[in-house]
Amino acid sequence: QPNLMIVLIKNAKGIGIDENLNLE
């Protein structure tokens, strides 16, 4: 069934691990 969605998404800050295994 056809649907159309309109969304406004925002950026958020998160925590990752870089290639040197440091938090970023």
PDB file of all heavy atoms in Angstrom:
ATOM      1  N   GLN A   1       0.836  -1.205   0.000  1.00  0.00           N
ATOM      2  CA  GLN A   1       0.000   0.000   0.000  1.00  0.00           C
ATOM      3  C   GLN A   1       0.867   1.251   0.000  1.00  0.00           C
ATOM      4  O   GLN A   1       1.839   1.344   0.752  1.00  0.00           O
ATOM      5  CB  GLN A   1      -0.928   0.008   1.218  1.00  0.00           C
ATOM      6  CG  GLN A   1      -1.909  -1.155   1.255  1.00  0.00           C
ATOM      7  CD  GLN A   1      -2.822  -1.174   0.036  1.00  0.00           C
ATOM      8  OE1 GLN A   1      -3.420  -0.167  -0.324  1.00  0.00           O
ATOM      9  NE2 GLN A   1      -2.900  -2.334  -0.624  1.00  0.00           N
ATOM     10  N   PRO A   2       0.528   2.239  -0.853  1.00  0.00           N
ATOM     11  CA  PRO A   2       1.362   3.446  -0.955  1.00  0.00           C
ATOM     12  C   PRO A   2       1.259   4.348   0.267  1.00  0.00           C
ATOM     13  O   PRO A   2       0.162   4.574   0.793  1.00  0.00           O
ATOM     14  CB  PRO A   2       0.812   4.139  -2.205  1.00  0.00           C
ATOM     15  CG  PRO A   2      -0.616   3.690  -2.288  1.00  0.00           C
ATOM     16  CD  PRO A   2      -0.621   2.267  -1.785  1.00  0.00           C
ATOM     17  N   ASN A   3       2.401   4.851   0.702  1.00  0.00           N
ATOM     18  CA  ASN A   3       2.472   5.782   1.824  1.00  0.00           C
ATOM     19  C   ASN A   3       3.489   6.864   1.493  1.00  0.00           C
ATOM     20  O   ASN A   3       4.435   6.639   0.736  1.00  0.00           O
ATOM     21  CB  ASN A   3       2.904   5.068   3.097  1.00  0.00           C
ATOM     22  CG  ASN A   3       1.820   4.222   3.728  1.00  0.00           C
ATOM     23  OD1 ASN A   3       1.150   4.642   4.667  1.00  0.00           O
ATOM     24  ND2 ASN A   3       1.621   3.013   3.204  1.00  0.00           N
ATOM     25  N   LEU A   4       3.304   8.014   2.099  1.00  0.00           N
ATOM     26  CA  LEU A   4       4.260   9.110   1.971  1.00  0.00           C
ATOM     27  C   LEU A   4       4.565   9.627   3.362  1.00  0.00           C
ATOM     28  O   LEU A   4       3.649   9.944   4.127  1.00  0.00           O
ATOM     29  CB  LEU A   4       3.673  10.240   1.113  1.00  0.00           C
ATOM     30  CG  LEU A   4       4.574  11.443   0.863  1.00  0.00           C
ATOM     31  CD1 LEU A   4       5.753  11.063  -0.038  1.00  0.00           C
ATOM     32  CD2 LEU A   4       3.777  12.585   0.213  1.00  0.00           C
ATOM     33  N   MET A   5       5.847   9.677   3.697  1.00  0.00           N
ATOM     34  CA  MET A   5       6.240  10.158   5.017  1.00  0.00           C
ATOM     35  C   MET A   5       7.098  11.409   4.890  1.00  0.00           C
ATOM     36  O   MET A   5       8.001  11.468   4.060  1.00  0.00           O
ATOM     37  CB  MET A   5       6.998   9.077   5.793  1.00  0.00           C
ATOM     38  CG  MET A   5       7.322   9.468   7.225  1.00  0.00           C
ATOM     39  SD  MET A   5       8.089   8.120   8.188  1.00  0.00           S
ATOM     40  CE  MET A   5       6.636   7.149   8.571  1.00  0.00           C
ATOM     41  N   ILE A   6       6.769  12.413   5.705  1.00  0.00           N
ATOM     42  CA  ILE A   6       7.531  13.662   5.771  1.00  0.00           C
ATOM     43  C   ILE A   6       8.098  13.756   7.174  1.00  0.00           C
ATOM     44  O   ILE A   6       7.351  13.762   8.161  1.00  0.00           O
ATOM     45  CB  ILE A   6       6.634  14.891   5.497  1.00  0.00           C
ATOM     46  CG1 ILE A   6       5.765  14.683   4.253  1.00  0.00           C
ATOM     47  CG2 ILE A   6       7.492  16.145   5.385  1.00  0.00           C
ATOM     48  CD1 ILE A   6       6.528  14.641   2.958  1.00  0.00           C
ATOM     49  N   VAL A   7       9.422  13.823   7.285  1.00  0.00           N
ATOM     50  CA  VAL A   7      10.084  13.768   8.590  1.00  0.00           C
ATOM     51  C   VAL A   7      11.134  14.874   8.683  1.00  0.00           C
ATOM     52  O   VAL A   7      11.819  15.173   7.693  1.00  0.00           O
ATOM     53  CB  VAL A   7      10.781  12.402   8.782  1.00  0.00           C
ATOM     54  CG1 VAL A   7      11.359  12.276  10.181  1.00  0.00           C
ATOM     55  CG2 VAL A   7       9.831  11.253   8.494  1.00  0.00           C
ATOM     56  N   LEU A   8      11.262  15.461   9.854  1.00  0.00           N
ATOM     57  CA  LEU A   8      12.371  16.373  10.124  1.00  0.00           C
ATOM     58  C   LEU A   8      13.261  15.711  11.168  1.00  0.00           C
ATOM     59  O   LEU A   8      12.836  15.467  12.299  1.00  0.00           O
ATOM     60  CB  LEU A   8      11.888  17.732  10.629  1.00  0.00           C
ATOM     61  CG  LEU A   8      12.990  18.781  10.792  1.00  0.00           C
ATOM     62  CD1 LEU A   8      13.634  19.102   9.448  1.00  0.00           C
ATOM     63  CD2 LEU A   8      12.456  20.061  11.425  1.00  0.00           C
ATOM     64  N   ILE A   9      14.477  15.381  10.763  1.00  0.00           N
ATOM     65  CA  ILE A   9      15.431  14.705  11.637  1.00  0.00           C
ATOM     66  C   ILE A   9      16.526  15.681  12.037  1.00  0.00           C
ATOM     67  O   ILE A   9      16.989  16.472  11.215  1.00  0.00           O
ATOM     68  CB  ILE A   9      16.068  13.493  10.923  1.00  0.00           C
ATOM     69  CG1 ILE A   9      14.988  12.564  10.361  1.00  0.00           C
ATOM     70  CG2 ILE A   9      16.970  12.717  11.877  1.00  0.00           C
ATOM     71  CD1 ILE A   9      15.551  11.449   9.501  1.00  0.00           C
ATOM     72  N   LYS A  10      16.955  15.603  13.276  1.00  0.00           N
ATOM     73  CA  LYS A  10      18.040  16.455  13.759  1.00  0.00           C
ATOM     74  C   LYS A  10      19.290  15.628  14.029  1.00  0.00           C
ATOM     75  O   LYS A  10      19.206  14.416  14.236  1.00  0.00           O
ATOM     76  CB  LYS A  10      17.606  17.192  15.025  1.00  0.00           C
ATOM     77  CG  LYS A  10      16.478  18.189  14.793  1.00  0.00           C
ATOM     78  CD  LYS A  10      16.138  18.907  16.071  1.00  0.00           C
ATOM     79  CE  LYS A  10      15.057  19.947  15.830  1.00  0.00           C
ATOM     80  NZ  LYS A  10      15.502  21.005  14.913  1.00  0.00           N
ATOM     81  N   ASN A  11      20.423  16.298  14.035  1.00  0.00           N
ATOM     82  CA  ASN A  11      21.667  15.659  14.435  1.00  0.00           C
ATOM     83  C   ASN A  11      21.725  15.560  15.955  1.00  0.00           C
ATOM     84  O   ASN A  11      21.149  16.376  16.678  1.00  0.00           O
ATOM     85  CB  ASN A  11      22.877  16.455  13.945  1.00  0.00           C
ATOM     86  CG  ASN A  11      23.391  15.934  12.616  1.00  0.00           C
ATOM     87  OD1 ASN A  11      23.140  14.798  12.232  1.00  0.00           O
ATOM     88  ND2 ASN A  11      24.129  16.764  11.897  1.00  0.00           N
ATOM     89  N   ALA A  12      22.434  14.561  16.428  1.00  0.00           N
ATOM     90  CA  ALA A  12      22.662  14.407  17.861  1.00  0.00           C
ATOM     91  C   ALA A  12      24.121  14.028  18.076  1.00  0.00           C
ATOM     92  O   ALA A  12      24.755  13.430  17.205  1.00  0.00           O
ATOM     93  CB  ALA A  12      21.739  13.343  18.442  1.00  0.00           C
ATOM     94  N   LYS A  13      24.647  14.395  19.213  1.00  0.00           N
ATOM     95  CA  LYS A  13      26.015  14.029  19.567  1.00  0.00           C
ATOM     96  C   LYS A  13      26.028  12.619  20.146  1.00  0.00           C
ATOM     97  O   LYS A  13      25.187  12.247  20.949  1.00  0.00           O
ATOM     98  CB  LYS A  13      26.604  15.017  20.582  1.00  0.00           C
ATOM     99  CG  LYS A  13      26.780  16.429  20.046  1.00  0.00           C
ATOM    100  CD  LYS A  13      27.796  16.472  18.912  1.00  0.00           C
ATOM    101  CE  LYS A  13      28.029  17.898  18.444  1.00  0.00           C
ATOM    102  NZ  LYS A  13      29.000  17.945  17.317  1.00  0.00           N
ATOM    103  N   GLY A  14      27.007  11.842  19.712  1.00  0.00           N
ATOM    104  CA  GLY A  14      27.157  10.496  20.224  1.00  0.00           C
ATOM    105  C   GLY A  14      28.614  10.207  20.537  1.00  0.00           C
ATOM    106  O   GLY A  14      29.494  11.051  20.311  1.00  0.00           O
ATOM    107  N   ILE A  15      28.871   9.040  21.040  1.00  0.00           N
ATOM    108  CA  ILE A  15      30.230   8.628  21.379  1.00  0.00           C
ATOM    109  C   ILE A  15      30.608   7.421  20.528  1.00  0.00           C
ATOM    110  O   ILE A  15      29.844   6.457  20.415  1.00  0.00           O
ATOM    111  CB  ILE A  15      30.354   8.261  22.871  1.00  0.00           C
ATOM    112  CG1 ILE A  15      30.011   9.478  23.754  1.00  0.00           C
ATOM    113  CG2 ILE A  15      31.763   7.767  23.188  1.00  0.00           C
ATOM    114  CD1 ILE A  15      30.962  10.647  23.569  1.00  0.00           C
ATOM    115  N   GLY A  16      31.771   7.489  19.908  1.00  0.00           N
ATOM    116  CA  GLY A  16      32.281   6.382  19.111  1.00  0.00           C
ATOM    117  C   GLY A  16      33.699   6.044  19.542  1.00  0.00           C
ATOM    118  O   GLY A  16      34.269   6.670  20.439  1.00  0.00           O
ATOM    119  N   ILE A  17      34.272   5.039  18.913  1.00  0.00           N
ATOM    120  CA  ILE A  17      35.643   4.628  19.187  1.00  0.00           C
ATOM    121  C   ILE A  17      36.428   4.731  17.886  1.00  0.00           C
ATOM    122  O   ILE A  17      36.034   4.169  16.858  1.00  0.00           O
ATOM    123  CB  ILE A  17      35.685   3.180  19.723  1.00  0.00           C
ATOM    124  CG1 ILE A  17      34.892   3.075  21.037  1.00  0.00           C
ATOM    125  CG2 ILE A  17      37.125   2.720  19.934  1.00  0.00           C
ATOM    126  CD1 ILE A  17      34.785   1.664  21.581  1.00  0.00           C
ATOM    127  N   ASP A  18      37.538   5.483  17.928  1.00  0.00           N
ATOM    128  CA  ASP A  18      38.301   5.680  16.707  1.00  0.00           C
ATOM    129  C   ASP A  18      39.252   4.516  16.453  1.00  0.00           C
ATOM    130  O   ASP A  18      39.298   3.540  17.214  1.00  0.00           O
ATOM    131  CB  ASP A  18      39.058   7.022  16.754  1.00  0.00           C
ATOM    132  CG  ASP A  18      40.115   7.069  17.855  1.00  0.00           C
ATOM    133  OD1 ASP A  18      40.545   5.991  18.325  1.00  0.00           O
ATOM    134  OD2 ASP A  18      40.529   8.182  18.227  1.00  0.00           O
ATOM    135  N   GLU A  19      40.044   4.643  15.382  1.00  0.00           N
ATOM    136  CA  GLU A  19      40.927   3.536  14.984  1.00  0.00           C
ATOM    137  C   GLU A  19      42.038   3.270  15.997  1.00  0.00           C
ATOM    138  O   GLU A  19      42.647   2.203  16.015  1.00  0.00           O
ATOM    139  CB  GLU A  19      41.534   3.825  13.610  1.00  0.00           C
ATOM    140  CG  GLU A  19      42.346   5.108  13.564  1.00  0.00           C
ATOM    141  CD  GLU A  19      42.861   5.401  12.171  1.00  0.00           C
ATOM    142  OE1 GLU A  19      42.381   4.785  11.212  1.00  0.00           O
ATOM    143  OE2 GLU A  19      43.758   6.265  12.070  1.00  0.00           O
ATOM    144  N   ASN A  20      42.302   4.266  16.864  1.00  0.00           N
ATOM    145  CA  ASN A  20      43.307   4.083  17.918  1.00  0.00           C
ATOM    146  C   ASN A  20      42.689   3.639  19.240  1.00  0.00           C
ATOM    147  O   ASN A  20      43.346   3.674  20.285  1.00  0.00           O
ATOM    148  CB  ASN A  20      44.083   5.395  18.127  1.00  0.00           C
ATOM    149  CG  ASN A  20      44.888   5.782  16.903  1.00  0.00           C
ATOM    150  OD1 ASN A  20      45.515   4.924  16.264  1.00  0.00           O
ATOM    151  ND2 ASN A  20      44.865   7.058  16.554  1.00  0.00           N
ATOM    152  N   LEU A  21      41.417   3.243  19.165  1.00  0.00           N
ATOM    153  CA  LEU A  21      40.679   2.757  20.327  1.00  0.00           C
ATOM    154  C   LEU A  21      40.504   3.818  21.397  1.00  0.00           C
ATOM    155  O   LEU A  21      40.483   3.533  22.606  1.00  0.00           O
ATOM    156  CB  LEU A  21      41.342   1.500  20.920  1.00  0.00           C
ATOM    157  CG  LEU A  21      41.472   0.313  19.962  1.00  0.00           C
ATOM    158  CD1 LEU A  21      42.064  -0.892  20.693  1.00  0.00           C
ATOM    159  CD2 LEU A  21      40.136  -0.044  19.330  1.00  0.00           C
ATOM    160  N   ASN A  22      40.368   5.067  20.935  1.00  0.00           N
ATOM    161  CA  ASN A  22      40.065   6.174  21.833  1.00  0.00           C
ATOM    162  C   ASN A  22      38.609   6.577  21.636  1.00  0.00           C
ATOM    163  O   ASN A  22      38.052   6.450  20.536  1.00  0.00           O
ATOM    164  CB  ASN A  22      40.965   7.378  21.543  1.00  0.00           C
ATOM    165  CG  ASN A  22      42.416   7.084  21.865  1.00  0.00           C
ATOM    166  OD1 ASN A  22      42.727   6.510  22.911  1.00  0.00           O
ATOM    167  ND2 ASN A  22      43.313   7.476  20.962  1.00  0.00           N
ATOM    168  N   LEU A  23      38.013   7.050  22.725  1.00  0.00           N
ATOM    169  CA  LEU A  23      36.651   7.556  22.609  1.00  0.00           C
ATOM    170  C   LEU A  23      36.665   8.881  21.855  1.00  0.00           C
ATOM    171  O   LEU A  23      37.545   9.717  22.042  1.00  0.00           O
ATOM    172  CB  LEU A  23      36.043   7.758  24.004  1.00  0.00           C
ATOM    173  CG  LEU A  23      35.795   6.488  24.827  1.00  0.00           C
ATOM    174  CD1 LEU A  23      35.294   6.855  26.222  1.00  0.00           C
ATOM    175  CD2 LEU A  23      34.781   5.587  24.130  1.00  0.00           C
ATOM    176  N   GLU A  24      35.660   9.073  20.986  1.00  0.00           N
ATOM    177  CA  GLU A  24      35.546  10.332  20.255  1.00  0.00           C
ATOM    178  C   GLU A  24      34.081  10.713  20.130  1.00  0.00           C
ATOM    179  O   GLU A  24      33.182   9.862  20.156  1.00  0.00           O
ATOM    180  CB  GLU A  24      36.161  10.211  18.860  1.00  0.00           C
ATOM    181  CG  GLU A  24      35.479   9.188  17.964  1.00  0.00           C
ATOM    182  CD  GLU A  24      36.073   9.167  16.568  1.00  0.00           C
ATOM    183  OE1 GLU A  24      36.897  10.042  16.258  1.00  0.00           O
ATOM    184  OE2 GLU A  24      35.689   8.281  15.793  1.00  0.00           O
TER     185      GLU A  24
END
